[in-house]
């Protein structure tokens, strides 16, 4: 998962959905690159497209992801931001010990 895709997953977790234009604006990439990044997340089973053409947005998929890493990302993306921060803090504390 590249940086843009990680950011997109965080945006979906925060806002419930993302459009390709948001990814394009945030990273200064062309529309095709943004759509390709989001399509890859759809292929992995993390996002699902809703709508057609210009109105298409991407939401969390209801199916389980394929790999353990994607499973963790999928679970974190469904959590509220405050819970993600708690999980990250616990992971940091346990790795420091």
N, C-alpha and C. Protein backbone atom coordinates (compact mmCIF):
# COMPACT_ATOMS: atom_id res chain seq x y z
N UNK A 1 0.86 -1.17 0.00
CA UNK A 1 0.00 0.00 0.00
C UNK A 1 0.90 1.23 0.00
N UNK A 2 0.67 2.12 -0.95
CA UNK A 2 1.51 3.31 -1.03
C UNK A 2 0.96 4.42 -0.12
N UNK A 3 1.69 5.52 -0.05
CA UNK A 3 1.33 6.62 0.85
C UNK A 3 -0.04 7.21 0.51
N UNK A 4 -0.32 7.35 -0.77
CA UNK A 4 -1.62 7.91 -1.18
C UNK A 4 -2.76 6.99 -0.76
N UNK A 5 -2.56 5.70 -0.90
CA UNK A 5 -3.60 4.75 -0.53
C UNK A 5 -3.81 4.72 0.98
N UNK A 6 -2.73 4.82 1.74
CA UNK A 6 -2.86 4.89 3.21
C UNK A 6 -3.63 6.14 3.61
N UNK A 7 -3.32 7.25 2.96
CA UNK A 7 -4.03 8.49 3.25
C UNK A 7 -5.51 8.36 2.89
N UNK A 8 -5.79 7.72 1.76
CA UNK A 8 -7.17 7.53 1.33
C UNK A 8 -7.95 6.71 2.35
N UNK A 9 -7.33 5.65 2.87
CA UNK A 9 -8.00 4.82 3.88
C UNK A 9 -8.27 5.63 5.14
N UNK A 10 -7.33 6.47 5.54
CA UNK A 10 -7.53 7.31 6.71
C UNK A 10 -8.68 8.30 6.48
N UNK A 11 -8.76 8.85 5.27
CA UNK A 11 -9.85 9.77 4.94
C UNK A 11 -11.20 9.07 4.97
N UNK A 12 -11.25 7.85 4.47
CA UNK A 12 -12.50 7.09 4.51
C UNK A 12 -12.90 6.82 5.96
N UNK A 13 -11.91 6.50 6.79
CA UNK A 13 -12.20 6.26 8.21
C UNK A 13 -12.73 7.52 8.87
N UNK A 14 -12.19 8.65 8.49
CA UNK A 14 -12.57 9.93 9.10
C UNK A 14 -13.90 10.45 8.56
N UNK A 15 -14.11 10.34 7.24
CA UNK A 15 -15.26 10.98 6.60
C UNK A 15 -16.32 10.02 6.07
N UNK A 16 -16.02 8.73 6.08
CA UNK A 16 -16.99 7.76 5.58
C UNK A 16 -16.86 7.43 4.11
N UNK A 17 -16.21 8.29 3.34
CA UNK A 17 -16.03 8.06 1.90
C UNK A 17 -14.96 9.00 1.37
N UNK A 18 -14.50 8.71 0.16
CA UNK A 18 -13.53 9.58 -0.52
C UNK A 18 -13.84 9.58 -2.01
N UNK A 19 -13.52 10.67 -2.66
CA UNK A 19 -13.63 10.76 -4.12
C UNK A 19 -12.22 10.91 -4.68
N UNK A 20 -12.05 10.54 -5.94
CA UNK A 20 -10.73 10.61 -6.56
C UNK A 20 -10.18 12.03 -6.56
N UNK A 21 -11.06 13.02 -6.67
CA UNK A 21 -10.62 14.41 -6.68
C UNK A 21 -9.93 14.83 -5.40
N UNK A 22 -10.34 14.27 -4.28
CA UNK A 22 -9.69 14.60 -2.99
C UNK A 22 -8.27 14.07 -2.97
N UNK A 23 -8.08 12.87 -3.48
CA UNK A 23 -6.74 12.27 -3.55
C UNK A 23 -5.86 13.06 -4.51
N UNK A 24 -6.45 13.45 -5.63
CA UNK A 24 -5.72 14.23 -6.64
C UNK A 24 -5.27 15.57 -6.05
N UNK A 25 -6.16 16.25 -5.35
CA UNK A 25 -5.84 17.55 -4.78
C UNK A 25 -4.81 17.45 -3.66
N UNK A 26 -4.93 16.43 -2.84
CA UNK A 26 -4.03 16.29 -1.69
C UNK A 26 -2.60 15.98 -2.10
N UNK A 27 -2.42 15.24 -3.20
CA UNK A 27 -1.09 14.81 -3.61
C UNK A 27 -0.60 15.42 -4.92
N UNK A 28 -1.45 16.17 -5.59
CA UNK A 28 -1.04 16.79 -6.85
C UNK A 28 -0.79 15.79 -7.96
N UNK A 29 -1.53 14.69 -7.95
CA UNK A 29 -1.38 13.68 -9.01
C UNK A 29 -2.51 13.85 -10.01
N UNK A 30 -2.36 13.23 -11.17
CA UNK A 30 -3.41 13.31 -12.19
C UNK A 30 -4.60 12.44 -11.77
N UNK A 31 -5.73 12.68 -12.39
CA UNK A 31 -6.94 11.94 -12.07
C UNK A 31 -6.79 10.45 -12.28
N UNK A 32 -6.07 10.07 -13.34
CA UNK A 32 -5.88 8.65 -13.63
C UNK A 32 -5.11 7.95 -12.50
N UNK A 33 -4.10 8.60 -11.96
CA UNK A 33 -3.32 8.02 -10.86
C UNK A 33 -4.21 7.85 -9.63
N UNK A 34 -5.01 8.87 -9.33
CA UNK A 34 -5.91 8.79 -8.17
C UNK A 34 -6.91 7.65 -8.35
N UNK A 35 -7.49 7.55 -9.52
CA UNK A 35 -8.47 6.48 -9.78
C UNK A 35 -7.80 5.10 -9.72
N UNK A 36 -6.57 5.01 -10.22
CA UNK A 36 -5.85 3.74 -10.18
C UNK A 36 -5.56 3.32 -8.74
N UNK A 37 -5.13 4.27 -7.91
CA UNK A 37 -4.88 3.97 -6.49
C UNK A 37 -6.15 3.47 -5.80
N UNK A 38 -7.26 4.13 -6.07
CA UNK A 38 -8.52 3.73 -5.44
C UNK A 38 -9.01 2.39 -6.00
N UNK A 39 -8.82 2.18 -7.30
CA UNK A 39 -9.22 0.90 -7.90
C UNK A 39 -8.42 -0.26 -7.30
N UNK A 40 -7.16 -0.01 -6.99
CA UNK A 40 -6.34 -1.06 -6.36
C UNK A 40 -6.88 -1.41 -4.98
N UNK A 41 -7.33 -0.41 -4.23
CA UNK A 41 -7.93 -0.66 -2.91
C UNK A 41 -9.25 -1.42 -3.05
N UNK A 42 -9.97 -1.18 -4.14
CA UNK A 42 -11.19 -1.94 -4.42
C UNK A 42 -10.83 -3.39 -4.72
N UNK A 43 -9.78 -3.60 -5.54
CA UNK A 43 -9.32 -4.94 -5.88
C UNK A 43 -8.92 -5.72 -4.64
N UNK A 44 -8.31 -5.05 -3.69
CA UNK A 44 -7.87 -5.70 -2.45
C UNK A 44 -9.03 -5.96 -1.49
N UNK A 45 -10.18 -5.45 -1.81
CA UNK A 45 -11.34 -5.69 -0.97
C UNK A 45 -11.48 -4.73 0.19
N UNK A 46 -10.73 -3.62 0.16
CA UNK A 46 -10.79 -2.66 1.26
C UNK A 46 -11.86 -1.60 1.05
N UNK A 47 -12.06 -1.19 -0.21
CA UNK A 47 -13.06 -0.17 -0.52
C UNK A 47 -14.06 -0.73 -1.53
N UNK A 48 -15.21 -0.09 -1.58
CA UNK A 48 -16.19 -0.42 -2.62
C UNK A 48 -16.65 0.87 -3.28
N UNK A 49 -16.75 0.88 -4.60
CA UNK A 49 -17.22 2.08 -5.30
C UNK A 49 -18.73 2.21 -5.16
N UNK A 50 -19.18 3.46 -5.05
CA UNK A 50 -20.60 3.75 -4.97
C UNK A 50 -20.87 4.86 -5.99
N UNK A 51 -21.79 4.60 -6.92
CA UNK A 51 -22.11 5.60 -7.93
C UNK A 51 -21.32 5.37 -9.21
N UNK A 52 -21.62 6.22 -10.18
CA UNK A 52 -21.00 6.10 -11.50
C UNK A 52 -20.28 7.39 -11.87
N UNK A 53 -19.29 7.26 -12.67
CA UNK A 53 -18.55 8.38 -13.28
C UNK A 53 -18.17 9.48 -12.30
N UNK A 54 -18.57 10.72 -12.60
CA UNK A 54 -18.15 11.88 -11.80
C UNK A 54 -18.62 11.80 -10.35
N UNK A 55 -19.75 11.17 -10.11
CA UNK A 55 -20.29 11.10 -8.76
C UNK A 55 -19.77 9.94 -7.94
N UNK A 56 -18.83 9.18 -8.50
CA UNK A 56 -18.37 7.98 -7.80
C UNK A 56 -17.58 8.34 -6.55
N UNK A 57 -17.93 7.66 -5.47
CA UNK A 57 -17.17 7.79 -4.23
C UNK A 57 -16.80 6.37 -3.77
N UNK A 58 -15.89 6.29 -2.85
CA UNK A 58 -15.41 5.01 -2.38
C UNK A 58 -15.62 4.93 -0.88
N UNK A 59 -16.26 3.84 -0.44
CA UNK A 59 -16.54 3.61 0.97
C UNK A 59 -15.87 2.31 1.41
N UNK A 60 -15.84 2.08 2.71
CA UNK A 60 -15.30 0.82 3.20
C UNK A 60 -16.10 -0.34 2.64
N UNK A 61 -15.39 -1.38 2.24
CA UNK A 61 -16.05 -2.58 1.72
C UNK A 61 -16.60 -3.40 2.88
N UNK A 62 -17.63 -4.14 2.61
CA UNK A 62 -18.22 -4.96 3.65
C UNK A 62 -17.60 -6.35 3.70
N UNK A 63 -16.73 -6.67 2.74
CA UNK A 63 -16.08 -7.98 2.73
C UNK A 63 -14.74 -7.92 3.45
N UNK A 64 -14.25 -9.06 3.86
CA UNK A 64 -12.97 -9.14 4.56
C UNK A 64 -11.80 -9.07 3.57
N UNK A 65 -10.71 -8.38 3.93
CA UNK A 65 -9.53 -8.30 3.06
C UNK A 65 -8.77 -9.63 3.00
N UNK A 66 -7.85 -9.71 2.04
CA UNK A 66 -7.17 -10.96 1.73
C UNK A 66 -5.97 -11.27 2.63
N UNK A 67 -5.18 -10.28 2.99
CA UNK A 67 -3.95 -10.55 3.74
C UNK A 67 -4.07 -10.07 5.19
N UNK A 68 -3.23 -10.57 6.09
CA UNK A 68 -3.28 -10.11 7.48
C UNK A 68 -3.05 -8.60 7.62
N UNK A 69 -2.11 -8.05 6.84
CA UNK A 69 -1.85 -6.61 6.91
C UNK A 69 -3.09 -5.83 6.50
N UNK A 70 -3.71 -6.24 5.39
CA UNK A 70 -4.92 -5.55 4.94
C UNK A 70 -6.05 -5.70 5.95
N UNK A 71 -6.07 -6.81 6.66
CA UNK A 71 -7.08 -7.01 7.69
C UNK A 71 -6.93 -5.99 8.81
N UNK A 72 -5.69 -5.74 9.21
CA UNK A 72 -5.43 -4.74 10.25
C UNK A 72 -5.83 -3.36 9.76
N UNK A 73 -5.45 -3.02 8.54
CA UNK A 73 -5.81 -1.71 7.97
C UNK A 73 -7.33 -1.58 7.91
N UNK A 74 -8.00 -2.63 7.49
CA UNK A 74 -9.46 -2.63 7.38
C UNK A 74 -10.10 -2.39 8.75
N UNK A 75 -9.58 -3.06 9.77
CA UNK A 75 -10.13 -2.89 11.12
C UNK A 75 -9.87 -1.49 11.65
N UNK A 76 -8.66 -0.97 11.44
CA UNK A 76 -8.34 0.38 11.90
C UNK A 76 -9.19 1.42 11.18
N UNK A 77 -9.43 1.21 9.90
CA UNK A 77 -10.21 2.17 9.12
C UNK A 77 -11.64 2.27 9.61
N UNK A 78 -12.16 1.22 10.22
CA UNK A 78 -13.53 1.25 10.73
C UNK A 78 -13.62 1.89 12.11
N UNK A 79 -12.49 2.07 12.79
CA UNK A 79 -12.49 2.63 14.14
C UNK A 79 -12.57 4.15 14.12
N UNK A 80 -13.15 4.73 15.16
CA UNK A 80 -13.09 6.20 15.27
C UNK A 80 -11.65 6.64 15.53
N UNK A 81 -11.29 7.85 15.12
CA UNK A 81 -9.91 8.32 15.26
C UNK A 81 -9.36 8.23 16.68
N UNK A 82 -10.18 8.52 17.69
CA UNK A 82 -9.68 8.44 19.07
C UNK A 82 -9.27 7.02 19.43
N UNK A 83 -9.98 6.02 18.90
CA UNK A 83 -9.66 4.62 19.19
C UNK A 83 -8.37 4.22 18.47
N UNK A 84 -8.17 4.70 17.26
CA UNK A 84 -6.93 4.42 16.52
C UNK A 84 -5.74 4.96 17.30
N UNK A 85 -5.89 6.17 17.86
CA UNK A 85 -4.80 6.75 18.66
C UNK A 85 -4.51 5.89 19.89
N UNK A 86 -5.55 5.36 20.54
CA UNK A 86 -5.35 4.48 21.70
C UNK A 86 -4.59 3.22 21.31
N UNK A 87 -4.98 2.60 20.21
CA UNK A 87 -4.33 1.39 19.74
C UNK A 87 -2.86 1.68 19.40
N UNK A 88 -2.61 2.79 18.72
CA UNK A 88 -1.23 3.16 18.36
C UNK A 88 -0.40 3.39 19.61
N UNK A 89 -0.96 4.04 20.62
CA UNK A 89 -0.22 4.31 21.85
C UNK A 89 0.11 3.00 22.56
N UNK A 90 -0.82 2.08 22.60
CA UNK A 90 -0.56 0.77 23.24
C UNK A 90 0.53 0.01 22.48
N UNK A 91 0.49 0.08 21.16
CA UNK A 91 1.51 -0.62 20.37
C UNK A 91 2.87 0.00 20.61
N UNK A 92 2.93 1.33 20.70
CA UNK A 92 4.20 2.01 20.97
C UNK A 92 4.73 1.61 22.35
N UNK A 93 3.84 1.60 23.34
CA UNK A 93 4.25 1.25 24.71
C UNK A 93 4.73 -0.18 24.80
N UNK A 94 4.06 -1.10 24.12
CA UNK A 94 4.46 -2.51 24.19
C UNK A 94 5.77 -2.77 23.45
N UNK A 95 6.05 -2.01 22.39
CA UNK A 95 7.31 -2.21 21.67
C UNK A 95 8.48 -1.57 22.41
N UNK A 96 8.22 -0.59 23.26
CA UNK A 96 9.28 0.07 24.02
C UNK A 96 9.73 -0.79 25.20
N UNK A 97 8.87 -1.66 25.65
CA UNK A 97 9.18 -2.50 26.83
C UNK A 97 10.11 -3.64 26.52
